[in-house]
Each structure stands twice: as structure tokens, then as C-alpha cells.
N, C-alpha and C. Protein backbone atom coordinates (compact mmCIF):
# COMPACT_ATOMS: atom_id res chain seq x y z
N UNK A 1 94.83 170.50 133.29
CA UNK A 1 94.22 171.65 133.19
C UNK A 1 94.96 172.82 133.72
N UNK A 2 95.12 173.83 133.01
CA UNK A 2 95.83 174.98 133.46
C UNK A 2 94.87 176.14 133.66
N UNK A 3 95.11 176.75 134.65
CA UNK A 3 94.32 178.08 134.86
C UNK A 3 95.11 179.30 134.72
N UNK A 4 94.43 180.35 134.20
CA UNK A 4 95.06 181.69 133.80
C UNK A 4 95.40 182.29 135.16
N UNK A 5 96.06 183.23 135.12
CA UNK A 5 96.41 184.17 136.25
C UNK A 5 95.12 184.77 136.71
N UNK A 6 94.31 185.11 135.59
CA UNK A 6 92.94 185.81 135.89
C UNK A 6 92.00 184.86 136.81
N UNK A 7 92.04 183.50 136.48
CA UNK A 7 91.22 182.51 137.21
C UNK A 7 91.67 182.53 138.64
N UNK A 8 92.94 182.34 138.71
CA UNK A 8 93.44 182.29 140.13
C UNK A 8 93.14 183.67 140.92
N UNK A 9 93.33 184.77 140.21
CA UNK A 9 93.00 185.88 140.88
C UNK A 9 91.39 186.09 141.21
N UNK A 10 90.52 185.43 140.45
CA UNK A 10 89.13 185.49 140.75
C UNK A 10 88.76 184.59 141.99
N UNK A 11 89.47 183.37 141.90
CA UNK A 11 89.30 182.40 142.96
C UNK A 11 89.80 183.06 144.36
N UNK A 12 90.98 183.64 144.39
CA UNK A 12 91.48 184.22 145.47
C UNK A 12 90.73 185.44 146.07
N UNK A 13 90.29 186.33 145.24
CA UNK A 13 89.32 187.29 145.68
C UNK A 13 87.97 186.76 146.27
N UNK A 14 87.52 185.78 145.64
CA UNK A 14 86.19 185.17 146.13
C UNK A 14 86.52 184.45 147.52
N UNK A 15 87.72 183.97 147.83
CA UNK A 15 88.07 183.40 148.94
C UNK A 15 88.10 184.42 150.02
N UNK A 16 88.55 185.65 149.69
CA UNK A 16 88.86 186.77 150.64
C UNK A 16 87.41 187.24 151.00
N UNK A 17 86.53 187.47 149.91
CA UNK A 17 85.44 188.04 150.28
C UNK A 17 84.49 187.12 151.03
N UNK A 18 84.39 185.93 150.72
CA UNK A 18 83.74 185.01 151.72
C UNK A 18 84.23 185.08 153.06
N UNK A 19 85.57 184.81 153.18
CA UNK A 19 86.19 184.93 154.51
C UNK A 19 85.75 186.11 155.33
N UNK A 20 85.65 187.39 154.75
CA UNK A 20 85.38 188.54 155.27
C UNK A 20 83.89 188.55 155.66
N UNK A 21 83.09 188.07 154.99
CA UNK A 21 81.68 187.92 155.10
C UNK A 21 81.28 186.91 156.31
N UNK A 22 82.03 186.05 156.38
CA UNK A 22 81.96 184.95 157.61
C UNK A 22 82.80 185.23 158.76
N UNK A 23 83.16 186.51 158.94
CA UNK A 23 84.07 187.00 159.94
C UNK A 23 83.47 186.16 161.42
N UNK A 24 82.33 186.31 161.66
CA UNK A 24 81.84 185.82 162.99
C UNK A 24 81.98 184.36 163.21
N UNK A 25 82.18 183.52 162.05
CA UNK A 25 82.47 182.14 162.20
C UNK A 25 83.81 181.73 162.29
N UNK A 26 84.71 182.62 162.12
CA UNK A 26 86.07 182.36 162.09
C UNK A 26 86.58 181.53 163.38
N UNK A 27 86.02 181.96 164.48
CA UNK A 27 86.32 181.29 165.74
C UNK A 27 85.91 179.86 165.88
N UNK A 28 84.71 179.55 165.19
CA UNK A 28 84.27 178.17 165.37
C UNK A 28 84.78 177.31 164.36
N UNK A 29 85.34 177.94 163.27
CA UNK A 29 85.88 176.91 162.27
C UNK A 29 87.01 176.10 162.55
N UNK A 30 87.23 175.00 162.08
CA UNK A 30 88.38 174.26 162.29
C UNK A 30 89.39 174.78 161.16
N UNK A 31 90.57 175.10 161.66
CA UNK A 31 91.62 175.73 160.87
C UNK A 31 92.73 174.63 160.92
N UNK A 32 93.23 174.16 159.80
CA UNK A 32 94.10 173.16 159.57
C UNK A 32 93.68 172.04 158.84
N UNK A 33 94.54 171.08 158.58
CA UNK A 33 94.17 169.89 157.99
C UNK A 33 94.20 168.62 158.87
N UNK A 34 93.35 167.71 158.57
CA UNK A 34 93.25 166.52 159.31
C UNK A 34 94.29 165.77 158.91
N UNK A 35 94.74 164.63 159.66
CA UNK A 35 95.84 163.64 159.26
C UNK A 35 95.65 162.99 157.84
N UNK A 36 94.39 162.79 157.63
CA UNK A 36 94.01 162.08 156.52
C UNK A 36 94.05 163.08 155.27
N UNK A 37 93.78 164.27 155.49
CA UNK A 37 93.89 165.24 154.34
C UNK A 37 95.42 165.49 154.13
N UNK A 38 96.32 165.54 155.24
CA UNK A 38 97.84 165.63 154.91
C UNK A 38 98.15 164.55 154.30
N UNK A 39 97.88 163.34 154.55
CA UNK A 39 98.33 162.03 153.80
C UNK A 39 97.84 162.28 152.44
N UNK A 40 96.50 162.94 152.16
CA UNK A 40 96.06 162.94 150.75
C UNK A 40 96.78 163.93 149.93
N UNK A 41 97.70 164.84 150.54
CA UNK A 41 98.51 165.73 149.71
C UNK A 41 97.76 167.04 149.76
N UNK A 42 96.78 167.24 150.55
CA UNK A 42 96.03 168.55 150.60
C UNK A 42 97.07 169.60 151.21
N UNK A 43 96.93 170.77 150.76
CA UNK A 43 97.70 172.01 151.23
C UNK A 43 96.71 173.24 151.57
N UNK A 44 96.98 173.84 152.65
CA UNK A 44 96.29 175.01 153.07
C UNK A 44 96.80 176.22 152.22
N UNK A 45 95.84 177.04 151.81
CA UNK A 45 96.39 178.17 151.15
C UNK A 45 96.54 179.49 152.06
N UNK A 46 95.91 179.25 153.15
CA UNK A 46 95.93 180.39 154.11
C UNK A 46 95.94 179.80 155.52
N UNK A 47 97.14 180.21 156.32
CA UNK A 47 97.22 179.58 157.65
C UNK A 47 96.62 180.24 158.81
N UNK A 48 95.93 181.40 158.48
CA UNK A 48 95.39 182.15 159.55
C UNK A 48 96.19 182.86 160.40
N UNK A 49 97.56 182.93 160.14
CA UNK A 49 98.51 183.61 160.90
C UNK A 49 99.61 184.54 160.06
N UNK A 50 99.58 184.26 158.87
CA UNK A 50 100.62 185.07 158.15
C UNK A 50 100.11 185.21 156.70
N UNK A 51 100.85 186.09 155.91
CA UNK A 51 100.58 186.32 154.55
C UNK A 51 101.40 185.35 153.66
N UNK A 52 102.11 184.48 154.35
CA UNK A 52 102.99 183.55 153.61
C UNK A 52 102.17 182.70 152.52
N UNK A 53 102.73 182.72 151.33
CA UNK A 53 102.11 181.99 150.24
C UNK A 53 101.23 182.94 149.46
N UNK A 54 101.26 184.10 149.74
CA UNK A 54 100.34 185.11 148.88
C UNK A 54 101.37 186.30 148.49
N UNK A 55 100.97 186.80 147.22
CA UNK A 55 101.63 187.94 146.72
C UNK A 55 100.68 188.86 146.07
N UNK A 56 101.19 189.97 145.68
CA UNK A 56 100.33 190.99 144.90
C UNK A 56 100.43 190.46 143.61
N UNK A 57 99.39 190.66 142.72
CA UNK A 57 99.43 190.40 141.33
C UNK A 57 100.39 191.25 140.62
N UNK A 58 101.34 190.62 139.82
CA UNK A 58 102.39 191.14 139.12
C UNK A 58 103.39 191.69 139.99
N UNK A 59 103.65 191.02 141.10
CA UNK A 59 104.68 191.41 141.98
C UNK A 59 105.22 190.12 142.80
N UNK A 60 106.45 190.32 143.34
CA UNK A 60 107.04 189.34 144.20
C UNK A 60 106.49 189.15 145.59
N UNK A 61 106.02 190.18 146.13
CA UNK A 61 105.63 190.23 147.56
C UNK A 61 104.20 190.67 147.71
N UNK A 62 103.87 190.81 148.82
CA UNK A 62 102.45 191.24 149.32
C UNK A 62 102.63 192.82 149.85
N UNK A 63 101.80 193.59 149.37
CA UNK A 63 101.88 195.00 149.99
C UNK A 63 101.54 195.06 151.47
N UNK A 64 101.76 196.18 152.28
CA UNK A 64 101.37 196.50 153.38
C UNK A 64 100.00 196.61 153.63
N UNK A 65 99.13 196.72 152.46
CA UNK A 65 97.78 196.94 152.51
C UNK A 65 97.00 195.63 152.86
N UNK A 66 97.63 194.53 153.10
CA UNK A 66 97.08 193.32 153.47
C UNK A 66 97.63 192.91 155.03
N UNK A 67 96.71 192.62 155.78
CA UNK A 67 97.22 192.06 157.20
C UNK A 67 96.45 190.97 157.69
N UNK A 68 96.95 190.19 158.49
CA UNK A 68 96.24 189.19 159.13
C UNK A 68 95.91 189.59 160.45
N UNK A 69 94.46 189.53 160.73
CA UNK A 69 93.98 190.07 161.84
C UNK A 69 92.88 189.00 162.32
N UNK A 70 92.85 188.49 163.53
CA UNK A 70 91.94 187.57 164.04
C UNK A 70 91.72 186.38 163.19
N UNK A 71 92.81 185.92 162.64
CA UNK A 71 92.76 184.63 161.74
C UNK A 71 92.17 184.97 160.44
N UNK A 72 92.09 186.32 160.11
CA UNK A 72 91.40 186.47 158.75
C UNK A 72 92.51 187.34 157.91
N UNK A 73 92.53 187.27 156.66
CA UNK A 73 93.35 188.14 155.79
C UNK A 73 92.43 189.37 155.35
N UNK A 74 92.93 190.52 155.95
CA UNK A 74 92.07 191.74 155.65
C UNK A 74 92.93 192.65 154.75
N UNK A 75 92.18 193.30 153.96
CA UNK A 75 92.70 194.54 153.31
C UNK A 75 92.53 195.76 154.03
N UNK A 76 93.59 196.50 154.29
CA UNK A 76 93.52 197.84 154.99
C UNK A 76 93.90 198.94 154.10
N UNK A 77 93.24 199.89 153.98
CA UNK A 77 93.53 201.06 153.33
C UNK A 77 93.41 200.96 151.74
N UNK A 78 93.70 202.02 151.21
CA UNK A 78 93.56 202.05 149.70
C UNK A 78 94.85 201.60 149.30
N UNK A 79 94.86 200.99 147.87
CA UNK A 79 96.18 200.79 147.19
C UNK A 79 96.63 199.38 147.71
N UNK A 80 95.93 198.49 148.28
CA UNK A 80 96.49 197.27 148.79
C UNK A 80 96.81 196.37 147.58
N UNK A 81 96.05 196.45 146.36
CA UNK A 81 96.08 195.73 145.28
C UNK A 81 95.49 194.29 145.30
N UNK A 82 95.39 193.68 144.23
CA UNK A 82 94.89 192.35 144.21
C UNK A 82 96.03 191.25 144.55
N UNK A 83 95.51 190.11 145.17
CA UNK A 83 96.49 189.21 145.63
C UNK A 83 96.18 187.82 144.93
N UNK A 84 97.46 187.11 144.85
CA UNK A 84 97.25 185.69 144.25
C UNK A 84 98.28 184.93 145.11
N UNK A 85 97.98 183.60 144.95
CA UNK A 85 99.04 182.59 145.63
C UNK A 85 100.31 182.77 144.95
N UNK A 86 101.33 182.35 145.74
CA UNK A 86 102.67 182.35 145.12
C UNK A 86 102.89 181.26 144.31
N UNK A 87 102.22 180.10 144.72
CA UNK A 87 102.32 178.88 143.87
C UNK A 87 101.17 178.80 142.80
N UNK A 88 101.54 178.05 141.78
CA UNK A 88 100.29 177.92 140.81
C UNK A 88 99.93 176.36 140.96
N UNK A 89 98.43 176.25 140.87
CA UNK A 89 97.83 174.97 141.10
C UNK A 89 97.26 174.49 139.98
N UNK A 90 97.32 173.26 139.60
CA UNK A 90 96.68 172.73 138.38
C UNK A 90 95.21 172.32 138.77
N UNK A 91 95.15 171.67 139.95
CA UNK A 91 93.77 171.31 140.45
C UNK A 91 93.58 171.82 141.89
N UNK A 92 92.22 172.22 142.15
CA UNK A 92 92.05 172.60 143.54
C UNK A 92 90.55 172.42 143.85
N UNK A 93 90.21 172.37 145.15
CA UNK A 93 88.97 172.28 145.58
C UNK A 93 88.84 173.35 146.68
N UNK A 94 87.96 174.26 146.57
CA UNK A 94 87.74 175.45 147.51
C UNK A 94 86.76 174.76 148.57
N UNK A 95 87.33 174.89 149.98
CA UNK A 95 86.49 174.65 150.93
C UNK A 95 86.44 175.77 151.91
N UNK A 96 85.27 176.19 152.44
CA UNK A 96 85.21 177.25 153.46
C UNK A 96 84.55 176.82 154.76
């Protein structure tokens, strides 16, 4: 199954919106993968420390309008633009 760029963009924006809405839960959440998940080939899309793995839509890099703060990816200021993952994924499961 192939996902269009718009599908990836929509999911990425949903993840960001939900992350922002659950800001108070960020400290309580388990960040990272269990050993079982790692053995199963799971990958984290966001490490809570950097913007690595993300880029602006139709760009090679992510703009300065996106920062990592308190373990969350935040949009700061106008003109940050939409972001997508640098990799393309055929299958994924969203877990928040």
C-alpha cells in the first residue's frame, strides 16, 4: 500500500496537534521503544530531542519555525510551514 504525500502530511499534522493538546501528559509518557518493539522492527518518528527525521513539505530541511521544547515538537511563529517525515513509510501504526 502506498500513501500519498498528502496522506503523510495529514498524519504528521495530526500527530503534532495531538502532541500539543496532550502537553501536560508528556512528562508521564513513556518515550522510546521497548526491547520487544525494537526487535519487531518498530521505529520512532520523533525522539523528543531533535527535529531529526522531519522536513518541511517540498523542502530538504525543516525551517527554524519548528523547535523541540520540553520533549514536544512546537511550531513557533508564522511561516513555519507544514512538515513531513524524511522517510516514506508503506505501513505504520500511530500510537500516542
